[in-house]
Protein backbone atom coordinates (compact mmCIF):
# COMPACT_ATOMS: atom_id res chain seq x y z
CA UNK A 1 -61.35 -47.64 32.18
CA UNK A 2 -59.17 -50.35 30.89
CA UNK A 3 -58.77 -48.84 27.45
CA UNK A 4 -58.01 -45.53 28.46
CA UNK A 5 -55.22 -46.74 30.72
CA UNK A 6 -53.80 -49.10 27.76
CA UNK A 7 -54.08 -46.02 25.46
CA UNK A 8 -51.90 -43.97 27.81
CA UNK A 9 -49.40 -46.55 28.42
CA UNK A 10 -48.89 -46.74 24.58
CA UNK A 11 -48.34 -43.08 24.31
CA UNK A 12 -46.02 -43.08 27.21
CA UNK A 13 -43.99 -45.82 25.40
CA UNK A 14 -44.05 -43.89 22.15
CA UNK A 15 -42.88 -40.78 23.91
CA UNK A 16 -40.31 -42.63 25.73
CA UNK A 17 -38.93 -44.07 22.06
CA UNK A 18 -39.09 -40.51 20.71
CA UNK A 19 -37.29 -39.14 23.77
CA UNK A 20 -34.65 -41.61 23.45
CA UNK A 21 -34.24 -41.07 19.79
CA UNK A 22 -33.97 -37.19 20.53
CA UNK A 23 -30.92 -38.04 22.84
CA UNK A 24 -29.25 -40.11 20.19
CA UNK A 25 -29.46 -37.45 17.74
CA UNK A 26 -28.00 -34.91 20.09
CA UNK A 27 -25.00 -37.03 20.64
CA UNK A 28 -24.38 -37.50 16.92
CA UNK A 29 -24.90 -33.81 16.13
CA UNK A 30 -21.66 -31.80 15.93
CA UNK A 31 -21.21 -28.20 15.64
CA UNK A 32 -17.99 -26.08 15.07
CA UNK A 33 -17.04 -23.01 16.88
CA UNK A 34 -14.21 -20.45 16.39
CA UNK A 35 -12.63 -17.38 17.54
CA UNK A 36 -10.04 -14.94 16.45
CA UNK A 37 -10.81 -15.35 12.84
CA UNK A 38 -10.27 -19.08 13.10
CA UNK A 39 -7.04 -19.02 15.21
CA UNK A 40 -9.02 -21.20 17.47
CA UNK A 41 -11.49 -23.85 16.32
CA UNK A 42 -13.40 -26.52 18.14
CA UNK A 43 -15.99 -29.21 17.72
CA UNK A 44 -18.95 -29.75 20.19
CA UNK A 45 -21.56 -32.50 20.14
CA UNK A 46 -25.18 -31.90 20.85
CA UNK A 47 -24.66 -32.52 24.42
CA UNK A 48 -21.81 -29.66 24.65
CA UNK A 49 -19.17 -32.21 25.04
CA UNK A 50 -15.99 -31.00 23.61
CA UNK A 51 -14.76 -33.34 20.90
CA UNK A 52 -11.80 -31.73 19.40
CA UNK A 53 -9.72 -28.45 19.54
CA UNK A 54 -7.31 -26.75 17.09
CA UNK A 55 -5.07 -24.13 17.70
CA UNK A 56 -3.20 -21.98 15.08
CA UNK A 57 0.23 -21.81 16.33
CA UNK A 58 0.30 -18.02 15.37
CA UNK A 59 -1.74 -17.38 18.42
CA UNK A 60 0.54 -18.87 20.87
CA UNK A 61 2.30 -16.65 23.02
CA UNK A 62 4.03 -17.50 26.20
CA UNK A 63 3.54 -13.85 27.35
CA UNK A 64 -0.10 -13.93 26.67
CA UNK A 65 -1.63 -16.95 27.93
CA UNK A 66 -4.86 -15.15 28.72
CA UNK A 67 -5.30 -14.14 25.21
CA UNK A 68 -5.32 -17.55 24.27
CA UNK A 69 -7.61 -18.94 27.23
CA UNK A 70 -10.07 -16.07 26.05
CA UNK A 71 -9.88 -17.31 22.59
CA UNK A 72 -10.88 -20.92 23.50
CA UNK A 73 -13.71 -19.84 25.73
CA UNK A 74 -14.93 -17.70 23.06
CA UNK A 75 -14.80 -20.34 20.58
CA UNK A 76 -16.67 -22.58 22.79
CA UNK A 77 -19.46 -20.01 23.47
CA UNK A 78 -19.63 -19.66 19.64
CA UNK A 79 -20.25 -23.34 19.36
CA UNK A 80 -22.72 -23.47 22.06
CA UNK A 81 -24.76 -20.81 20.66
CA UNK A 82 -24.91 -22.49 17.35
CA UNK A 83 -26.42 -25.51 19.24
CA UNK A 84 -28.69 -23.64 21.39
CA UNK A 85 -30.06 -22.04 18.03
CA UNK A 86 -30.76 -25.49 16.50
CA UNK A 87 -32.04 -27.49 19.61
CA UNK A 88 -35.90 -26.50 19.01
CA UNK A 89 -35.33 -28.17 15.47
CA UNK A 90 -33.74 -31.29 17.10
CA UNK A 91 -36.57 -31.85 19.55
CA UNK A 92 -39.38 -31.35 16.63
CA UNK A 93 -40.77 -34.76 16.98
CA UNK A 94 -41.63 -34.24 20.64
CA UNK A 95 -45.02 -32.67 21.67
CA UNK A 96 -44.42 -29.27 23.29
CA UNK A 97 -45.56 -29.01 27.26
CA UNK A 98 -44.80 -32.38 28.36
CA UNK A 99 -44.31 -32.68 31.95
CA UNK A 100 -40.74 -33.91 32.40
CA UNK A 101 -39.81 -31.45 35.03
CA UNK A 102 -36.74 -29.84 33.31
């Protein structure tokens, strides 16, 4: 009985290490999203935290603030979609079907 528990304990430590490495990889991953043909560009990390935003002055119109807001949202969604497409690759080292309760 002791050796089975010891083996499970080692496996749990290995999974914990792999999970921590995957989290660090997410933090260091960066993707760029854009909208309006590049008028608005932004950068997200793997945790979908906004790191940078670039707005071309051509799209800044005080009479159309809603249009600029829409471009920012669209650029964010573009970047988030790219992250979602790549997420299975990032978690490739972790076994599927783990009971993490997410």
